[in-house]
């Protein structure tokens, strides 16, 4: 009976050591800095494409419709319209084929997953832009302020 308990404790300790090693390896591979973005944002991803012996960068610009945060296994889905057809591509966040991620504009959405955009066409598939308070003009007076100053 005593041997069984010792054996199970050793296995548990072994599992913790393996977990720590895996976490350490994942942390080493997640060195690249990724810009903050979320569902609804329009992003431009520069992907390394290998054609024979040549390597070039290919751009893919679209709306982020889903983001999956799982450490090294993080991924995000980008959707764009190409010649009237919807094209979606899933990117691994820390993949070596991704050269650069640029956030073009911030979207104002209330959902974490925007799968409903798949069924929408035309203007209904557009996402409203989020206007941040820091970007608004602070010194500019509105029409009401101008009317009060005249009176």
Protein backbone atom coordinates (compact mmCIF):
# COMPACT_ATOMS: atom_id res chain seq x y z
CA UNK A 1 0.00 0.00 0.00
CA UNK A 2 2.81 2.37 0.90
CA UNK A 3 4.61 1.59 -2.37
CA UNK A 4 1.55 2.58 -4.41
CA UNK A 5 1.40 6.00 -2.78
CA UNK A 6 5.12 6.65 -3.31
CA UNK A 7 4.81 5.59 -6.94
CA UNK A 8 1.87 7.93 -7.57
CA UNK A 9 3.71 10.86 -5.92
CA UNK A 10 6.74 10.24 -8.17
CA UNK A 11 4.50 10.25 -11.25
CA UNK A 12 2.86 13.50 -10.16
CA UNK A 13 6.26 15.11 -9.58
CA UNK A 14 7.43 13.87 -12.98
CA UNK A 15 4.36 15.42 -14.60
CA UNK A 16 5.09 18.82 -13.02
CA UNK A 17 8.69 18.73 -14.27
CA UNK A 18 7.52 17.93 -17.83
CA UNK A 19 4.93 20.71 -17.66
CA UNK A 20 7.61 23.22 -16.60
CA UNK A 21 9.92 22.11 -19.43
CA UNK A 22 7.13 22.49 -22.01
CA UNK A 23 6.23 25.96 -20.67
CA UNK A 24 9.91 26.99 -20.83
CA UNK A 25 10.27 25.83 -24.45
CA UNK A 26 7.04 27.63 -25.44
CA UNK A 27 8.23 30.85 -23.76
CA UNK A 28 11.49 30.71 -25.74
CA UNK A 29 9.58 30.42 -29.02
CA UNK A 30 7.19 33.30 -28.22
CA UNK A 31 9.88 36.00 -28.43
CA UNK A 32 8.32 38.03 -31.26
CA UNK A 33 6.24 41.05 -30.27
CA UNK A 34 2.75 40.94 -31.76
CA UNK A 35 0.68 44.16 -31.94
CA UNK A 36 -2.53 44.31 -29.92
CA UNK A 37 -5.55 43.57 -32.09
CA UNK A 38 -8.96 41.98 -31.64
CA UNK A 39 -11.98 40.82 -33.60
CA UNK A 40 -13.28 43.56 -35.89
CA UNK A 41 -9.87 45.13 -36.55
CA UNK A 42 -8.56 45.39 -40.10
CA UNK A 43 -5.05 43.97 -40.29
CA UNK A 44 -2.37 43.61 -42.96
CA UNK A 45 -0.33 40.43 -42.64
CA UNK A 46 2.88 40.01 -44.60
CA UNK A 47 3.43 36.30 -45.22
CA UNK A 48 6.66 34.70 -46.45
CA UNK A 49 5.95 32.66 -49.59
CA UNK A 50 8.57 30.31 -51.00
CA UNK A 51 8.45 29.73 -54.76
CA UNK A 52 11.19 27.35 -55.81
CA UNK A 53 14.44 28.85 -54.55
CA UNK A 54 13.02 32.37 -54.27
CA UNK A 55 11.27 33.77 -51.23
CA UNK A 56 8.97 36.80 -51.34
CA UNK A 57 6.44 38.58 -49.12
CA UNK A 58 2.74 38.35 -49.87
CA UNK A 59 0.23 40.70 -48.23
CA UNK A 60 -3.14 39.57 -46.91
CA UNK A 61 -5.43 42.34 -45.68
CA UNK A 62 -8.80 41.73 -44.07
CA UNK A 63 -10.99 41.84 -40.97
CA UNK A 64 -10.11 39.67 -37.97
CA UNK A 65 -13.22 37.57 -37.37
CA UNK A 66 -11.82 35.34 -34.62
CA UNK A 67 -8.88 35.20 -32.25
CA UNK A 68 -7.76 32.21 -30.19
CA UNK A 69 -5.39 32.93 -27.30
CA UNK A 70 -3.55 29.75 -26.29
CA UNK A 71 0.06 30.82 -25.73
CA UNK A 72 2.25 29.35 -28.45
CA UNK A 73 -0.82 27.75 -30.05
CA UNK A 74 -2.57 31.11 -30.51
CA UNK A 75 -4.25 31.70 -33.85
CA UNK A 76 -6.48 34.25 -35.58
CA UNK A 77 -8.77 34.14 -38.60
CA UNK A 78 -8.77 36.94 -41.18
CA UNK A 79 -11.53 37.40 -43.78
CA UNK A 80 -11.35 39.48 -46.95
CA UNK A 81 -13.37 39.84 -50.12
CA UNK A 82 -11.47 38.96 -53.28
CA UNK A 83 -13.27 39.46 -56.62
CA UNK A 84 -16.65 39.08 -54.93
CA UNK A 85 -15.67 35.88 -53.10
CA UNK A 86 -15.08 35.71 -49.36
CA UNK A 87 -11.63 34.37 -48.51
CA UNK A 88 -10.69 33.35 -44.98
CA UNK A 89 -7.26 32.37 -43.77
CA UNK A 90 -6.23 31.10 -40.35
CA UNK A 91 -2.81 32.26 -39.16
CA UNK A 92 -0.82 30.85 -36.27
CA UNK A 93 0.19 33.94 -34.29
CA UNK A 94 3.80 32.89 -33.65
CA UNK A 95 4.34 31.17 -37.01
CA UNK A 96 7.73 31.79 -38.67
CA UNK A 97 6.01 32.42 -42.04
CA UNK A 98 4.43 35.62 -40.68
CA UNK A 99 6.87 38.46 -41.30
CA UNK A 100 4.81 41.39 -40.04
CA UNK A 101 1.35 42.27 -38.70
CA UNK A 102 0.08 45.84 -39.12
CA UNK A 103 -3.22 47.05 -37.65
CA UNK A 104 -4.82 49.34 -40.27
CA UNK A 105 -7.98 50.34 -38.39
CA UNK A 106 -9.82 49.44 -35.21
CA UNK A 107 -13.30 47.98 -35.48
CA UNK A 108 -16.17 48.77 -33.13
CA UNK A 109 -17.87 45.42 -32.47
CA UNK A 110 -19.56 43.79 -29.49
CA UNK A 111 -18.68 40.17 -30.23
CA UNK A 112 -15.53 38.09 -29.81
CA UNK A 113 -16.28 35.98 -32.90
CA UNK A 114 -17.66 37.65 -36.02
CA UNK A 115 -18.81 34.53 -37.87
CA UNK A 116 -22.07 36.32 -38.76
CA UNK A 117 -20.11 38.35 -41.36
CA UNK A 118 -19.89 35.19 -43.51
CA UNK A 119 -23.58 35.40 -44.39
CA UNK A 120 -23.57 39.15 -45.06
CA UNK A 121 -22.77 40.83 -48.36
CA UNK A 122 -22.09 44.38 -49.50
CA UNK A 123 -22.35 47.19 -46.96
CA UNK A 124 -23.88 44.85 -44.36
CA UNK A 125 -20.52 43.06 -44.12
CA UNK A 126 -18.70 46.25 -43.13
CA UNK A 127 -17.55 46.90 -39.58
CA UNK A 128 -17.90 50.35 -38.01
CA UNK A 129 -14.60 52.05 -37.12
CA UNK A 130 -13.82 52.68 -33.47
CA UNK A 131 -12.86 56.29 -32.79
CA UNK A 132 -10.55 56.51 -29.80
CA UNK A 133 -10.89 59.54 -27.48
CA UNK A 134 -7.21 60.46 -27.95
CA UNK A 135 -7.71 60.81 -31.72
CA UNK A 136 -10.67 63.18 -31.42
CA UNK A 137 -9.88 66.85 -31.82
CA UNK A 138 -9.76 68.35 -28.32
CA UNK A 139 -9.43 72.03 -29.25
CA UNK A 140 -12.17 72.12 -31.89
CA UNK A 141 -15.45 73.58 -30.67
CA UNK A 142 -18.75 72.08 -31.76
CA UNK A 143 -21.67 73.96 -33.40
CA UNK A 144 -23.33 74.60 -30.02
CA UNK A 145 -20.21 76.29 -28.63
CA UNK A 146 -20.03 78.57 -31.68
CA UNK A 147 -23.71 79.56 -31.28
CA UNK A 148 -23.23 80.39 -27.57
CA UNK A 149 -20.19 82.58 -28.25
CA UNK A 150 -22.19 84.71 -30.74
CA UNK A 151 -24.98 85.37 -28.24
